[in-house]
Amino acid sequence: MTDLGVVRDERVLTLTLDRPAQLNALTDEMSDALAFELEEAAAYDGVRVVVLRGAGRAFCAGADIAGSEGPMQLDVRALDRANRIVRALTRLDKPVVAAVHGPAAGVGCSIALACDLAVAAESSTFLLAFARIGLMPDGGSSASVAASIGRARAMRMALLAEPLTGREAYDVGLVSHLADDDAFEVVVADVVARLAAGAPLAQAATKRAVNAAAYAGLDAALDRERTGQTLLLRTNDAAEGMRAFAERRAPDFEGE
């Protein structure tokens, strides 16, 4: 079971992360399924726009590290899966809209920000939580966040793991749209409808041009993140961070 909902409705492909009890935290199978569907979407001639969203009360809480098997999933294969998703999002020749309500944390935040447009509900939060468990941002967020909001604010999010509310994210330029919770679905539907009615060739060319300018260093960033995160995953600090997360306590990092 992949826990990924896939619905094609005329010109719209909707992909729903569907583990609501776990705040849609990503498993290996779920990550593989998401990457596959995004890659396959390029061949769907009738699809003009892709929507990525989460079931329940969250967009995505990041990688699933809460269970007893969780820490074993965080290895170079998990990084490769995240990179595959981000490359699929940015290379797809159709616009992708992230519909974000509730938390978008860790790699879930990275994935939301790799989408072309992000509609944030007032109740949403954006969090690069990696520092809390002794790791560094991945999923291309070291590039995407800095490209959107500048180095200073990116450092604040990455080093201090401070969350941004939906309104704060909109005000600093991290997301493209903000909606009251009650109007969230209406705003998402309006954005998607406008894209679905747009000129697909022009939208594809626009996406390529903007990404070439804003994300010129994305592949290099993904490689740097992969190298750095692989080293950090071997540290005692990362092991302590994941234990502390599972035990719901503050970590005691020793720089080892």
Protein backbone atom coordinates (compact mmCIF):
# COMPACT_ATOMS: atom_id res chain seq x y z
CA MET A 1 0.00 0.00 0.00
CA THR A 2 1.55 3.29 -1.11
CA ASP A 3 -0.73 5.71 0.79
CA LEU A 4 -0.83 8.02 -2.24
CA GLY A 5 -4.16 9.05 -3.72
CA VAL A 6 -4.13 9.57 -7.50
CA VAL A 7 -7.08 11.21 -9.26
CA ARG A 8 -7.20 12.37 -12.88
CA ASP A 9 -10.16 14.66 -13.56
CA GLU A 10 -10.08 16.07 -17.08
CA ARG A 11 -7.16 18.53 -17.10
CA VAL A 12 -6.15 18.13 -13.45
CA LEU A 13 -4.06 15.42 -11.78
CA THR A 14 -4.40 15.45 -7.99
CA LEU A 15 -1.86 13.59 -5.86
CA THR A 16 -2.79 13.25 -2.19
CA LEU A 17 -0.39 12.16 0.53
CA ASP A 18 -2.70 9.89 2.50
CA ARG A 19 -1.37 8.93 5.93
CA PRO A 20 -3.43 11.38 8.00
CA ALA A 21 -2.80 9.63 11.33
CA GLN A 22 0.95 10.17 10.78
CA LEU A 23 0.48 13.72 9.40
CA ASN A 24 1.35 12.27 5.98
CA ALA A 25 4.95 11.54 6.96
CA LEU A 26 6.73 9.95 4.02
CA THR A 27 7.61 6.28 3.86
CA ASP A 28 9.93 4.77 1.25
CA GLU A 29 7.00 3.35 -0.71
CA MET A 30 5.08 6.63 -0.58
CA SER A 31 8.11 8.59 -1.81
CA ASP A 32 8.67 6.16 -4.68
CA ALA A 33 5.01 6.33 -5.68
CA LEU A 34 4.99 10.15 -5.63
CA ALA A 35 8.13 10.39 -7.75
CA PHE A 36 6.73 7.83 -10.22
CA GLU A 37 3.41 9.68 -10.64
CA LEU A 38 5.16 13.01 -11.16
CA GLU A 39 7.44 11.50 -13.79
CA GLU A 40 4.53 9.77 -15.52
CA ALA A 41 2.52 13.01 -15.56
CA ALA A 42 4.74 14.31 -18.37
CA ALA A 43 3.14 11.77 -20.71
CA TYR A 44 -0.47 12.68 -19.82
CA ASP A 45 -1.39 14.87 -22.77
CA GLY A 46 -4.76 15.85 -21.33
CA VAL A 47 -3.38 16.95 -17.98
CA ARG A 48 -2.59 20.67 -17.77
CA VAL A 49 -1.88 21.05 -14.04
CA VAL A 50 -0.86 18.86 -11.08
CA VAL A 51 -2.06 19.44 -7.52
CA LEU A 52 -0.14 18.07 -4.55
CA ARG A 53 -1.88 18.00 -1.18
CA GLY A 54 -2.15 16.13 2.10
CA ALA A 55 -5.07 14.27 3.66
CA GLY A 56 -6.37 15.17 7.10
CA ARG A 57 -4.91 18.04 9.10
CA ALA A 58 -1.43 18.32 7.56
CA PHE A 59 0.37 18.67 4.27
CA CYS A 60 3.39 16.53 5.20
CA ALA A 61 5.35 16.17 8.45
CA GLY A 62 8.51 15.08 6.62
CA ALA A 63 10.21 11.69 6.73
CA ASP A 64 8.66 9.09 9.01
CA ILE A 65 11.10 8.77 11.89
CA ALA A 66 8.61 8.36 14.72
CA GLY A 67 8.29 4.57 14.63
CA SER A 68 10.79 1.99 15.79
CA GLU A 69 11.82 1.43 12.17
CA GLY A 70 12.04 5.16 11.46
CA PRO A 71 15.74 5.89 12.00
CA MET A 72 16.69 3.02 9.71
CA GLN A 73 14.86 4.71 6.83
CA LEU A 74 17.00 7.84 7.00
CA ASP A 75 19.97 6.90 4.86
CA VAL A 76 21.33 7.78 1.45
CA ARG A 77 18.40 5.99 -0.18
CA ALA A 78 15.97 8.36 1.53
CA LEU A 79 18.00 11.32 0.22
CA ASP A 80 17.93 9.90 -3.28
CA ARG A 81 14.17 9.48 -3.05
CA ALA A 82 13.71 13.08 -1.93
CA ASN A 83 15.97 14.32 -4.72
CA ARG A 84 14.05 12.28 -7.27
CA ILE A 85 10.79 13.93 -6.16
CA VAL A 86 12.24 17.44 -6.32
CA ARG A 87 13.79 16.86 -9.75
CA ALA A 88 10.47 15.48 -11.00
CA LEU A 89 8.61 18.54 -9.68
CA THR A 90 10.96 21.08 -11.19
CA ARG A 91 11.45 19.29 -14.52
CA LEU A 92 7.80 18.47 -15.21
CA ASP A 93 6.58 20.62 -18.09
CA LYS A 94 3.26 21.31 -16.34
CA PRO A 95 2.66 23.66 -13.41
CA VAL A 96 2.42 22.01 -10.00
CA VAL A 97 0.37 23.58 -7.20
CA ALA A 98 1.00 22.70 -3.56
CA ALA A 99 -2.17 23.02 -1.47
CA VAL A 100 -0.74 23.44 2.03
CA HIS A 101 -2.79 23.32 5.20
CA GLY A 102 -1.38 22.40 8.58
CA PRO A 103 2.30 21.51 8.94
CA ALA A 104 4.73 21.26 6.05
CA ALA A 105 7.88 20.17 7.86
CA GLY A 106 11.29 18.78 6.97
CA VAL A 107 11.34 17.23 3.53
CA GLY A 108 7.59 17.93 3.38
CA CYS A 109 8.44 21.64 3.44
CA SER A 110 11.14 21.08 0.81
CA ILE A 111 8.64 19.36 -1.48
CA ALA A 112 6.01 22.07 -1.07
CA LEU A 113 8.54 24.76 -1.94
CA ALA A 114 9.72 22.88 -5.03
CA CYS A 115 6.21 23.22 -6.49
CA ASP A 116 5.59 26.12 -8.86
CA LEU A 117 2.82 27.73 -6.84
CA ALA A 118 1.91 27.15 -3.21
CA VAL A 119 -1.44 28.07 -1.70
CA ALA A 120 -1.01 28.32 2.07
CA ALA A 121 -3.89 28.24 4.51
CA GLU A 122 -3.72 30.61 7.46
CA SER A 123 -3.35 27.53 9.68
CA SER A 124 -0.35 26.20 7.76
CA THR A 125 3.20 26.20 9.05
CA PHE A 126 6.48 25.84 7.17
CA LEU A 127 9.35 24.33 9.10
CA LEU A 128 12.84 23.20 8.18
CA ALA A 129 13.04 20.91 11.20
CA PHE A 130 16.35 19.24 10.33
CA ALA A 131 18.44 21.15 12.89
CA ARG A 132 16.27 19.78 15.68
CA ILE A 133 17.55 16.26 15.00
CA GLY A 134 21.16 17.07 14.15
CA LEU A 135 20.75 17.16 10.38
CA MET A 136 20.86 19.75 7.58
CA PRO A 137 18.13 20.79 5.11
CA ASP A 138 17.71 18.58 2.08
CA GLY A 139 15.24 18.14 -0.77
CA GLY A 140 16.77 21.18 -2.42
CA SER A 141 15.58 23.54 0.32
CA SER A 142 19.06 25.01 0.82
CA ALA A 143 18.53 26.46 -2.68
CA SER A 144 14.77 26.98 -2.89
CA VAL A 145 14.35 28.83 0.42
CA ALA A 146 17.29 31.16 -0.20
CA ALA A 147 16.07 31.83 -3.74
CA SER A 148 12.64 32.79 -2.40
CA ILE A 149 13.34 34.77 0.77
CA GLY A 150 17.07 35.54 0.80
CA ARG A 151 20.05 34.27 2.72
CA ALA A 152 19.34 35.86 6.11
CA ARG A 153 15.82 34.51 6.51
CA ALA A 154 16.85 31.15 5.02
CA MET A 155 19.59 30.87 7.66
CA ARG A 156 17.08 31.66 10.37
CA MET A 157 14.74 28.91 9.18
CA ALA A 158 17.54 26.39 8.68
CA LEU A 159 19.79 27.03 11.69
CA LEU A 160 17.14 27.84 14.31
CA ALA A 161 14.37 25.62 12.92
CA GLU A 162 11.88 28.43 13.44
CA PRO A 163 8.51 27.77 11.80
CA LEU A 164 6.76 30.33 9.63
CA THR A 165 2.99 30.61 9.73
CA GLY A 166 1.14 30.65 6.45
CA ARG A 167 0.80 34.43 6.66
CA GLU A 168 4.48 34.90 7.50
CA ALA A 169 5.45 32.63 4.62
CA TYR A 170 3.31 34.69 2.26
CA ASP A 171 4.57 38.02 3.59
CA VAL A 172 8.24 37.09 3.04
CA GLY A 173 7.60 35.59 -0.41
CA LEU A 174 8.01 31.91 0.42
CA VAL A 175 4.58 30.98 -1.00
CA SER A 176 2.52 32.46 -3.81
CA HIS A 177 -0.96 32.56 -2.26
CA LEU A 178 -2.54 32.90 1.19
CA ALA A 179 -6.10 31.88 2.06
CA ASP A 180 -8.31 31.97 5.12
CA ASP A 181 -8.99 28.44 6.28
CA ASP A 182 -12.65 28.72 5.32
CA ALA A 183 -11.77 29.91 1.82
CA PHE A 184 -8.77 27.61 1.29
CA GLU A 185 -10.45 25.12 -1.04
CA VAL A 186 -12.04 27.92 -3.06
CA VAL A 187 -8.66 29.63 -3.58
CA VAL A 188 -6.98 26.35 -4.52
CA ALA A 189 -9.75 25.56 -7.00
CA ASP A 190 -9.51 29.04 -8.55
CA VAL A 191 -5.73 28.83 -9.03
CA VAL A 192 -6.00 25.34 -10.50
CA ALA A 193 -8.83 26.34 -12.84
CA ARG A 194 -6.86 29.31 -14.15
CA LEU A 195 -3.85 27.12 -14.86
CA ALA A 196 -5.99 24.39 -16.43
CA ALA A 197 -7.46 26.97 -18.82
CA GLY A 198 -4.06 28.47 -19.66
CA ALA A 199 -1.88 27.93 -22.71
CA PRO A 200 0.12 24.76 -21.91
CA LEU A 201 3.07 25.48 -24.20
CA ALA A 202 3.46 28.98 -22.79
CA GLN A 203 3.19 27.70 -19.22
CA ALA A 204 5.82 25.05 -19.87
CA ALA A 205 8.19 27.60 -21.43
CA THR A 206 7.60 30.02 -18.56
CA LYS A 207 8.30 27.35 -15.95
CA ARG A 208 11.54 26.33 -17.67
CA ALA A 209 12.72 29.95 -17.94
CA VAL A 210 11.93 30.94 -14.35
CA ASN A 211 13.43 27.76 -12.92
CA ALA A 212 16.57 28.19 -15.05
CA ALA A 213 17.03 31.65 -13.55
CA ALA A 214 15.99 30.96 -9.94
CA TYR A 215 17.25 27.38 -9.62
CA ALA A 216 20.37 27.45 -11.76
CA GLY A 217 22.28 25.78 -8.92
CA LEU A 218 19.61 23.29 -7.87
CA ASP A 219 21.41 20.15 -9.06
CA ALA A 220 24.60 21.25 -7.32
CA ALA A 221 22.60 22.01 -4.16
CA LEU A 222 21.02 18.56 -4.22
CA ASP A 223 24.46 16.99 -4.55
CA ARG A 224 25.85 19.10 -1.68
CA GLU A 225 22.91 18.21 0.52
CA ARG A 226 23.30 14.53 -0.29
CA THR A 227 26.99 14.58 0.64
CA GLY A 228 26.52 16.63 3.80
CA GLN A 229 23.46 14.74 5.02
CA THR A 230 25.10 11.36 4.41
CA LEU A 231 27.96 12.38 6.71
CA LEU A 232 25.62 13.80 9.34
CA LEU A 233 23.49 10.66 9.40
CA ARG A 234 26.56 8.77 10.68
CA THR A 235 27.07 11.08 13.66
CA ASN A 236 26.15 10.50 17.29
CA ASP A 237 24.32 13.82 17.25
CA ALA A 238 21.91 12.60 14.55
CA ALA A 239 21.28 9.38 16.44
CA GLU A 240 20.64 11.39 19.62
CA GLY A 241 18.38 13.79 17.73
CA MET A 242 16.20 10.97 16.40
CA ARG A 243 16.06 9.26 19.79
CA ALA A 244 15.03 12.53 21.41
CA PHE A 245 12.36 13.09 18.76
CA ALA A 246 10.89 9.63 19.36
CA GLU A 247 11.03 10.14 23.13
CA ARG A 248 9.56 13.67 22.92
CA ARG A 249 12.42 15.35 24.78
CA ALA A 250 15.10 17.94 24.04
CA PRO A 251 18.24 16.46 22.45
CA ASP A 252 21.64 16.67 24.10
CA PHE A 253 24.05 17.31 21.24
CA GLU A 254 27.79 16.86 21.88
CA GLY A 255 29.27 17.61 18.47
CA GLU A 256 30.20 14.02 17.75
